[in-house]
Amino acid sequence: MAEGRRQRTKSKLTEVGFDALASHECLEAMLYAFEKRKDTGMLARELLKRFGSLRGVILAKEEELLEVPLMPKSAAYFFGQFQPFYERVLLDEVEDISILTPQKLKEYLSARGIDTNSEFLEVISLNSRHKFIRRKIFNGDIDFTVCEIRKIADEVVSAGASRVILAHNHPSGSTEPSSHDIEATQKIKNVLECLGITLDEHVIVTPSGGWFSFRDNGIL
């Protein structure tokens, strides 16, 4: 029975593609590579139940995926790499800050999982030709203390950056920067300038997709 179902799913996938499959069928098909004989339908449904959606599964970490009963270790590792891989694809497209659109940066930050309520500050280091070098994510309460500003400076100097993009989120849903956000941004900009590094952009994002650009609003 499992083999017959597997063949029917593969046929639909070959003929029409993933659009022809229900969410649990998409996961079933992806799991075939890791379960050569077993029925993957029950596991696919458990994954959707645990993480809520295909997006939730893809954004899940390897250790979280392994908490689902019968999840193969190889599959957990493979699924756990989707998010960082997609982030890297998007970063490859961030080639020139002068033509970087809000939508492109939104797409990248969405891949970071900004729809969660956990606070983060992301530091993206670029070279003098606006090419990506690396990124550093600081999780937890973002208050832009002197210690945090020092960590930002240490990170970009260590990366050999010439230009920097900052992004942090407001789990409250408000896109408006606080007076502290604005003051801290100027301090960070000044510190980086002393180091010969340009702060190109600072953005605030919210769980609902809200957006505030310090550059577009004349703060940078």
Protein backbone atom coordinates (compact mmCIF):
# COMPACT_ATOMS: atom_id res chain seq x y z
CA MET A 1 0.00 0.00 0.00
CA ALA A 2 2.81 2.38 0.91
CA GLU A 3 4.57 1.67 -2.37
CA GLY A 4 1.40 2.34 -4.36
CA ARG A 5 0.83 5.65 -2.60
CA ARG A 6 4.44 6.61 -3.12
CA GLN A 7 4.19 5.91 -6.84
CA ARG A 8 0.99 7.96 -7.16
CA THR A 9 2.59 10.90 -5.37
CA LYS A 10 5.70 10.69 -7.55
CA SER A 11 3.52 10.61 -10.67
CA LYS A 12 1.64 13.76 -9.61
CA LEU A 13 4.94 15.45 -8.82
CA THR A 14 6.39 14.53 -12.22
CA GLU A 15 3.33 15.54 -14.19
CA VAL A 16 2.30 18.77 -12.48
CA GLY A 17 4.91 19.60 -9.84
CA PHE A 18 4.55 20.54 -6.20
CA ASP A 19 1.52 22.73 -6.95
CA ALA A 20 -0.49 19.54 -7.45
CA LEU A 21 0.34 18.25 -3.96
CA ALA A 22 -1.18 19.01 -0.58
CA SER A 23 1.22 20.25 2.08
CA HIS A 24 1.58 16.84 3.72
CA GLU A 25 2.20 15.25 0.31
CA CYS A 26 5.02 17.72 -0.37
CA LEU A 27 6.72 16.63 2.84
CA GLU A 28 6.04 12.97 2.06
CA ALA A 29 7.82 13.36 -1.27
CA MET A 30 10.78 15.15 0.29
CA LEU A 31 11.13 12.36 2.86
CA TYR A 32 11.29 9.60 0.24
CA ALA A 33 15.03 10.13 -0.12
CA PHE A 34 15.50 9.30 3.57
CA GLU A 35 12.99 6.47 3.93
CA LYS A 36 13.41 4.07 1.03
CA ARG A 37 10.63 1.70 2.02
CA LYS A 38 8.59 3.10 4.90
CA ASP A 39 5.41 5.12 4.52
CA THR A 40 6.30 8.77 5.15
CA GLY A 41 2.73 10.04 5.31
CA MET A 42 2.35 9.81 9.08
CA LEU A 43 5.70 11.51 9.66
CA ALA A 44 4.76 14.31 7.25
CA ARG A 45 1.52 14.93 9.13
CA GLU A 46 3.33 14.91 12.46
CA LEU A 47 5.79 17.51 11.18
CA LEU A 48 2.95 19.76 10.05
CA LYS A 49 1.17 19.29 13.37
CA ARG A 50 4.34 20.14 15.29
CA PHE A 51 5.45 23.17 13.24
CA GLY A 52 2.14 24.39 11.83
CA SER A 53 3.02 24.76 8.15
CA LEU A 54 5.55 23.94 5.45
CA ARG A 55 7.28 27.21 6.28
CA GLY A 56 7.44 26.20 9.93
CA VAL A 57 9.08 22.91 9.02
CA ILE A 58 11.62 24.57 6.74
CA LEU A 59 12.51 27.17 9.39
CA ALA A 60 12.86 24.56 12.13
CA LYS A 61 16.28 23.73 13.51
CA GLU A 62 17.79 20.27 13.31
CA GLU A 63 17.44 19.63 17.03
CA GLU A 64 13.76 20.66 16.92
CA LEU A 65 13.07 18.33 14.00
CA LEU A 66 14.66 15.43 15.87
CA GLU A 67 12.06 15.87 18.63
CA VAL A 68 9.43 14.53 16.21
CA PRO A 69 9.09 10.73 16.64
CA LEU A 70 10.59 8.63 13.82
CA MET A 71 12.30 11.63 12.18
CA PRO A 72 15.46 10.25 10.49
CA LYS A 73 18.64 12.01 11.57
CA SER A 74 19.71 12.48 7.96
CA ALA A 75 16.36 14.10 7.12
CA ALA A 76 16.54 16.39 10.16
CA TYR A 77 19.99 17.55 9.08
CA PHE A 78 18.84 18.11 5.48
CA PHE A 79 15.67 20.01 6.44
CA GLY A 80 17.61 21.99 9.03
CA GLN A 81 19.86 23.39 6.29
CA PHE A 82 17.05 24.89 4.20
CA GLN A 83 16.85 28.18 6.06
CA PRO A 84 20.61 28.98 6.19
CA PHE A 85 20.96 27.90 2.56
CA TYR A 86 18.10 30.15 1.43
CA GLU A 87 19.52 33.01 3.48
CA ARG A 88 22.82 32.55 1.65
CA VAL A 89 21.03 32.59 -1.73
CA LEU A 90 19.39 35.90 -0.83
CA LEU A 91 22.66 37.34 0.42
CA ASP A 92 24.26 36.53 -2.93
CA GLU A 93 21.68 38.88 -4.47
CA VAL A 94 22.64 41.76 -2.18
CA GLU A 95 25.38 43.02 -4.46
CA ASP A 96 25.06 46.79 -4.46
CA ILE A 97 23.69 48.83 -1.56
CA SER A 98 23.06 51.76 -3.89
CA ILE A 99 20.39 49.74 -5.71
CA LEU A 100 19.23 47.59 -2.78
CA THR A 101 15.45 47.78 -2.66
CA PRO A 102 13.42 47.52 0.55
CA GLN A 103 11.69 44.48 -0.94
CA LYS A 104 14.97 42.63 -1.44
CA LEU A 105 16.07 43.26 2.12
CA LYS A 106 12.59 42.31 3.36
CA GLU A 107 12.85 39.00 1.52
CA TYR A 108 16.16 38.28 3.15
CA LEU A 109 14.95 39.21 6.65
CA SER A 110 11.80 37.14 6.13
CA ALA A 111 14.03 34.14 5.45
CA ARG A 112 15.65 34.92 8.81
CA GLY A 113 12.34 34.12 10.48
CA ILE A 114 11.32 37.63 11.55
CA ASP A 115 7.76 36.44 12.09
CA THR A 116 8.86 35.07 15.46
CA ASN A 117 8.59 37.13 18.61
CA SER A 118 12.21 36.64 19.65
CA GLU A 119 14.27 39.81 19.42
CA PHE A 120 17.40 39.95 17.33
CA LEU A 121 20.01 42.32 15.98
CA GLU A 122 21.66 41.36 12.73
CA VAL A 123 24.94 42.84 11.51
CA ILE A 124 25.73 42.35 7.81
CA SER A 125 29.32 43.14 6.84
CA LEU A 126 30.18 44.20 3.29
CA ASN A 127 33.40 45.12 1.54
CA SER A 128 34.14 48.41 -0.22
CA ARG A 129 32.42 47.11 -3.39
CA HIS A 130 29.23 46.33 -1.47
CA LYS A 131 29.85 42.58 -1.60
CA PHE A 132 28.71 40.38 1.26
CA ILE A 133 31.42 39.20 3.65
CA ARG A 134 29.48 37.65 6.52
CA ARG A 135 26.66 38.21 8.97
CA LYS A 136 26.38 38.02 12.74
CA ILE A 137 23.11 37.57 14.63
CA PHE A 138 22.73 38.67 18.24
CA ASN A 139 19.62 37.17 19.85
CA GLY A 140 17.86 38.56 22.90
CA ASP A 141 16.79 41.93 24.24
CA ILE A 142 18.18 44.72 22.05
CA ASP A 143 18.89 47.85 24.08
CA PHE A 144 21.94 49.18 22.18
CA THR A 145 24.04 49.49 25.30
CA VAL A 146 27.69 50.52 25.18
CA CYS A 147 28.54 46.82 25.39
CA GLU A 148 26.35 46.02 22.37
CA ILE A 149 27.84 48.87 20.35
CA ARG A 150 31.30 47.53 21.18
CA LYS A 151 30.23 44.05 20.03
CA ILE A 152 29.02 45.51 16.72
CA ALA A 153 32.32 47.33 16.22
CA ASP A 154 34.33 44.22 17.13
CA GLU A 155 32.32 42.12 14.69
CA VAL A 156 32.68 44.38 11.66
CA VAL A 157 36.37 45.06 12.30
CA SER A 158 36.97 41.33 12.65
CA ALA A 159 35.12 40.76 9.36
CA GLY A 160 37.24 43.37 7.59
CA ALA A 161 34.09 45.28 6.63
CA SER A 162 34.04 48.62 4.83
CA ARG A 163 30.26 48.98 4.91
CA VAL A 164 27.57 47.69 7.29
CA ILE A 165 23.82 47.06 7.37
CA LEU A 166 22.01 46.71 10.70
CA ALA A 167 18.57 45.22 11.25
CA HIS A 168 16.60 44.65 14.42
CA ASN A 169 13.00 43.78 15.15
CA HIS A 170 10.19 45.21 17.25
CA PRO A 171 8.06 42.27 18.48
CA SER A 172 5.49 44.84 19.67
CA GLY A 173 4.54 45.43 16.02
CA SER A 174 5.47 49.13 15.95
CA THR A 175 7.76 50.20 13.11
CA GLU A 176 8.50 53.58 14.67
CA PRO A 177 12.03 53.90 16.04
CA SER A 178 12.27 54.97 19.65
CA SER A 179 14.35 57.98 20.60
CA HIS A 180 16.84 55.48 21.98
CA ASP A 181 16.96 53.65 18.62
CA ILE A 182 17.72 56.91 16.83
CA GLU A 183 20.32 58.03 19.34
CA ALA A 184 22.00 54.62 19.32
CA THR A 185 22.08 54.55 15.51
CA GLN A 186 23.93 57.86 15.45
CA LYS A 187 26.38 56.61 18.06
CA ILE A 188 27.02 53.44 16.08
CA LYS A 189 27.44 55.47 12.89
CA ASN A 190 29.96 57.76 14.60
CA VAL A 191 31.94 54.87 16.09
CA LEU A 192 32.10 53.09 12.75
CA GLU A 193 33.15 56.28 10.94
CA CYS A 194 36.08 56.58 13.35
CA LEU A 195 37.07 53.09 12.23
CA GLY A 196 36.75 54.01 8.54
CA ILE A 197 33.53 51.99 8.14
CA THR A 198 30.25 53.28 6.66
CA LEU A 199 26.86 52.45 8.17
CA ASP A 200 24.78 52.14 5.00
CA GLU A 201 21.44 51.17 6.47
CA HIS A 202 19.57 50.34 9.65
CA VAL A 203 16.10 48.84 9.42
CA ILE A 204 13.38 47.91 11.89
CA VAL A 205 11.11 44.99 11.07
CA THR A 206 8.02 43.59 12.79
CA PRO A 207 6.38 40.14 12.96
CA SER A 208 3.63 41.30 10.58
CA GLY A 209 6.11 42.46 7.94
CA GLY A 210 6.23 46.12 8.97
CA TRP A 211 9.27 48.04 7.88
CA PHE A 212 11.20 51.21 8.76
CA SER A 213 14.32 52.34 6.93
CA PHE A 214 16.60 54.78 8.74
CA ARG A 215 18.21 55.69 5.43
CA ASP A 216 14.96 56.35 3.58
CA ASN A 217 13.70 58.48 6.45
CA GLY A 218 16.80 60.67 6.51
CA ILE A 219 18.19 59.44 9.82
CA LEU A 220 21.35 58.12 8.17
